[in-house]
């Protein structure tokens, strides 16, 4: 199952946030790794 666009966006923001806990960043990274890849043009 892939992560949706909205969830991937939120996960990206979590990773950039310096206040996020290590566990939150781990989950966010997992979500991003399952996100649909954009096709290169």
N, C-alpha and C. Protein backbone atom coordinates (compact mmCIF):
# COMPACT_ATOMS: atom_id res chain seq x y z
N UNK A 1 0.84 -1.18 0.00
CA UNK A 1 0.00 0.00 0.00
C UNK A 1 0.89 1.24 0.00
N UNK A 2 0.51 2.22 -0.76
CA UNK A 2 1.30 3.44 -0.83
C UNK A 2 0.68 4.55 0.01
N UNK A 3 1.52 5.47 0.40
CA UNK A 3 1.08 6.61 1.18
C UNK A 3 0.52 7.67 0.25
N UNK A 4 -0.59 8.26 0.60
CA UNK A 4 -1.21 9.29 -0.23
C UNK A 4 -0.42 10.59 -0.23
N UNK A 5 -0.79 11.46 -1.16
CA UNK A 5 -0.08 12.73 -1.33
C UNK A 5 -0.14 13.60 -0.08
N UNK A 6 -1.31 13.67 0.54
CA UNK A 6 -1.48 14.49 1.74
C UNK A 6 -0.62 13.98 2.90
N UNK A 7 -0.64 12.69 3.10
CA UNK A 7 0.13 12.09 4.19
C UNK A 7 1.63 12.24 3.94
N UNK A 8 2.04 12.10 2.69
CA UNK A 8 3.45 12.25 2.35
C UNK A 8 3.91 13.68 2.60
N UNK A 9 3.06 14.64 2.30
CA UNK A 9 3.38 16.05 2.53
C UNK A 9 3.55 16.32 4.02
N UNK A 10 2.66 15.77 4.81
CA UNK A 10 2.73 15.94 6.26
C UNK A 10 3.99 15.27 6.81
N UNK A 11 4.32 14.11 6.29
CA UNK A 11 5.52 13.40 6.73
C UNK A 11 6.77 14.21 6.42
N UNK A 12 6.79 14.83 5.26
CA UNK A 12 7.92 15.66 4.87
C UNK A 12 8.10 16.82 5.84
N UNK A 13 7.00 17.43 6.23
CA UNK A 13 7.06 18.55 7.18
C UNK A 13 7.56 18.07 8.54
N UNK A 14 7.17 16.88 8.95
CA UNK A 14 7.63 16.31 10.22
C UNK A 14 9.15 16.14 10.21
N UNK A 15 9.69 15.65 9.10
CA UNK A 15 11.12 15.43 9.01
C UNK A 15 11.90 16.74 9.06
N UNK A 16 11.33 17.79 8.51
CA UNK A 16 12.00 19.09 8.48
C UNK A 16 11.91 19.81 9.82
N UNK A 17 10.92 19.45 10.63
CA UNK A 17 10.69 20.12 11.91
C UNK A 17 11.73 19.66 12.94
N UNK A 18 12.52 20.60 13.43
CA UNK A 18 13.57 20.27 14.39
C UNK A 18 12.99 19.85 15.75
N UNK A 19 11.74 20.17 16.02
CA UNK A 19 11.11 19.85 17.30
C UNK A 19 10.53 18.44 17.32
N UNK A 20 10.47 17.78 16.18
CA UNK A 20 9.88 16.44 16.11
C UNK A 20 10.75 15.42 16.85
N UNK A 21 10.09 14.50 17.53
CA UNK A 21 10.80 13.45 18.25
C UNK A 21 11.38 12.44 17.26
N UNK A 22 12.38 11.69 17.72
CA UNK A 22 13.04 10.70 16.87
C UNK A 22 12.05 9.67 16.34
N UNK A 23 11.14 9.22 17.20
CA UNK A 23 10.14 8.22 16.78
C UNK A 23 9.21 8.78 15.70
N UNK A 24 8.83 10.06 15.84
CA UNK A 24 7.98 10.68 14.82
C UNK A 24 8.69 10.75 13.48
N UNK A 25 9.98 11.06 13.52
CA UNK A 25 10.74 11.15 12.28
C UNK A 25 10.90 9.78 11.63
N UNK A 26 11.02 8.74 12.45
CA UNK A 26 11.14 7.39 11.93
C UNK A 26 9.87 6.99 11.18
N UNK A 27 8.73 7.29 11.77
CA UNK A 27 7.43 6.98 11.14
C UNK A 27 7.26 7.80 9.87
N UNK A 28 7.64 9.07 9.93
CA UNK A 28 7.52 9.95 8.76
C UNK A 28 8.39 9.45 7.62
N UNK A 29 9.60 9.01 7.93
CA UNK A 29 10.50 8.48 6.90
C UNK A 29 9.92 7.22 6.29
N UNK A 30 9.31 6.39 7.10
CA UNK A 30 8.67 5.17 6.60
C UNK A 30 7.53 5.52 5.65
N UNK A 31 6.73 6.52 6.03
CA UNK A 31 5.63 6.96 5.17
C UNK A 31 6.14 7.45 3.83
N UNK A 32 7.21 8.24 3.86
CA UNK A 32 7.75 8.79 2.62
C UNK A 32 8.33 7.69 1.72
N UNK A 33 8.91 6.68 2.35
CA UNK A 33 9.49 5.61 1.54
C UNK A 33 8.42 4.81 0.82
N UNK A 34 7.18 4.87 1.32
CA UNK A 34 6.06 4.15 0.71
C UNK A 34 5.22 5.05 -0.19
N UNK A 35 5.60 6.32 -0.30
CA UNK A 35 4.84 7.26 -1.13
C UNK A 35 5.04 6.95 -2.59
N UNK A 36 4.02 7.29 -3.39
CA UNK A 36 4.13 7.10 -4.83
C UNK A 36 5.21 8.02 -5.37
N UNK A 37 6.02 7.51 -6.25
CA UNK A 37 7.09 8.31 -6.86
C UNK A 37 6.52 9.10 -8.02
N UNK A 38 6.96 10.36 -8.14
CA UNK A 38 6.55 11.18 -9.28
C UNK A 38 7.35 10.77 -10.50
N UNK A 39 6.70 10.73 -11.63
CA UNK A 39 7.38 10.39 -12.87
C UNK A 39 8.24 11.57 -13.31
N UNK A 40 9.47 11.28 -13.69
CA UNK A 40 10.35 12.34 -14.18
C UNK A 40 9.99 12.69 -15.60
N UNK A 41 10.01 13.97 -15.92
CA UNK A 41 9.66 14.41 -17.27
C UNK A 41 10.90 14.62 -18.09
